[in-house]
Amino acid sequence: MATIKRYISPKVDKRGMSEIFFRISLTKNVKYRVKSGIYINATRFKDGEIIKPRANQKEIVLLRGIERSLEEIENALLDFFVTVPAQSVSRDMIETIVGRFHNWGGDEMQGNEKHHGFFDTFNDFLASRDFSKSRTNGYKTLCRALHRYEVHRATIREGNYKIDLDTFSADDLADFEKFFRTEWELYEQYPEIYIQYPAEMRTQHKTHKPQKRGDNIVVNVMNRIRAFYNWCIAQELTTNNPFCKYAIKSERYGTPYYLTIEERDCIAEYDLSARPALAIQRDIFIFQCLVGCRVSDLKRLKKTDVINGAIEYVASKTKKERGDIIRVPLGGRARNLIQKYEGNNDNRLFPFISDQRYNDAIKEICKVCGIDRVVTIINPTTGRDEKHPIYEIASSHIARRTFIGNLYKKVKDPNLVGSMSGHKEGSRAFARYREIDDDIKRELINLIE
C-alpha cells in the first residue's frame, strides 16, 4: 500500500520560507521524493505537521489553507496509486498530478500580494467560515466538481482553460450546471478526471463515478457557488458577480410524510421479544419520535443531558450559527425508555449502532409491525411523484418528522414547535410541516355547510 510522508526542505529563502516535499513509497523498491510546490515558514512545520499559532487569526487561516492543499494533493496521489500498478508509475505522472495544485497558499505565506487563483480563493473562503463538518464536506464536494469541470473543459474544448474569479460568467455557470447534471454519462469517456477528483470522499471506499443528480442537488450546489461569490465581493476580492444574470431555481420538496400517533404507538407496543436486537433499535426509534432530534444529535445524547425532567442539547447542524439550547420535556414513555437502558453503555443514553444499520432496522421494524400505509414522495433524481409503502422509505428522519408533524397538528404555533425541534423562525424546512391534513380540512368544510 502506498504511503506519503511530508518533510521540509532544509533550504530557507530570505523570507524564512521553505518548500514542503513528499516522500512517496509505493513498494520496497519504488520510492520517490517530489516537491509539493507549497512553501511555509520553517518555524511552522515540525515532524510532518503544521504548527498553528494560538492568536494570529490571519496566519491560522493561511495555515489551514496549506493543510487542506496538502491533503488534496495526497488524496489525489493515493487515488492514482490505487488504480495504477506501482511499476507503471513514473515521476512525470506524479509531478503532473502535483502540478495541478502548485503554490496553493504559498504566495500568501510569502507575503506576495499578487492575485490568488480561483481555487486558492475558494480555500481561503472555506478556511474563513466556521462551518459544521457536514457543510464543509459539501463545499469540498463542490470544489472537486469545479476542478473536474475545469479539467473537462480544458480537455475537450479549450486546452488552457482555467476558471477565473473575475471572468467566470452567467454563461459559465449554465455550462457548469449542464456538466454537473450529466457527469454520470461523461465518466465513461474521461475516467482519469475522476481518479484525481473523486465524486465522493466520505465513504469508506472513495467513489469515482458520479451518480445521477436531481434538481434539488443542483440548486444546492449553485447556491454554494453564489455564497462563495457573495463572500468574495464582500471581501473586495472581485467585482464580478455572475449571478446578476443567472437565476437559480427553487428547491422542490413534497409534503413531509410521518407516522401518526396510532402508528407510532403500534410500533412501541409491538411484541419483538423474538428479535431482541431489533427491539433495542425500536426503543431508540420511539425515543427519537418523542424528542424529535436529528440522528446526529441523538447519538451524542448522554445521561448528563437529562436535566430537570427534560433533554437538553445544542443541535450540531446549527451550533456554529446559533448555538441555541434545545430543551424538550420528557413524557412518561420517554423517561421509561431511558430508565430501561440506564445501567448500560457508559454515559450514553442508548446502545447506538451505525446510521446505516439504524436506518435499515427502522425499515425492518415498520415492515414487521405492519406500517404499510402508502405515501407520495418526490423522487429526488427525476422530480416525479412516486408512491411507496412507508416501510420502504422510512429512515431516522421520519422519527423527527413524526415529532414535528404531530405536534403541529395539535398546536398551530410554529415558534413553540420550533423551540423543541431546533427550526429557526421562518425556516423554509419548517414551513413544509404546515400542510393541513384531510381531517382538519373536513372540519373547516363542515363549518360552512
Foldseek 3Di string as FASTA:
>chain_A
DKDKAKDWDPDADPLQKTWIWIWIDLDPPQIDIGTLLAIARPVQDDRRDGRDDDPDLVVNLLVQQVVVLVVLLVQLVVLVPVVDPSVPDDPVVSCVLSVVSHHQSRCVNSVNPDADFPVSLLSSVLSVDPAFPVVSQVSLLLSLLVQLVQVVCCVPPNVPGGDGLAPCALVNLVVSLVCVQCQLVCCVVCVSSLSSRANADPDPDTHSHDDHFFLQSSLVSVVVVQVSNVVCVVVVSYPDRNCVPHDRDDDDWAQDDADAPVLLVLLLPDDPVVPVVLNQLSLLLSLCLQQQEAPVVLFVFFQVQCDPQWGWDFHSNCCVPPVDIAIGGDDPSNVVSQVVCVVDDVGHSGDDDDQVVSFLSQLVSCVVSVQFDKDWTQDRRPRDIDIGGCSVPDGSNSSNVSNLLNVCQVPVDLVVSCSRNVDDPPDPVSVSSPDHDPVVVVVVVVVVD
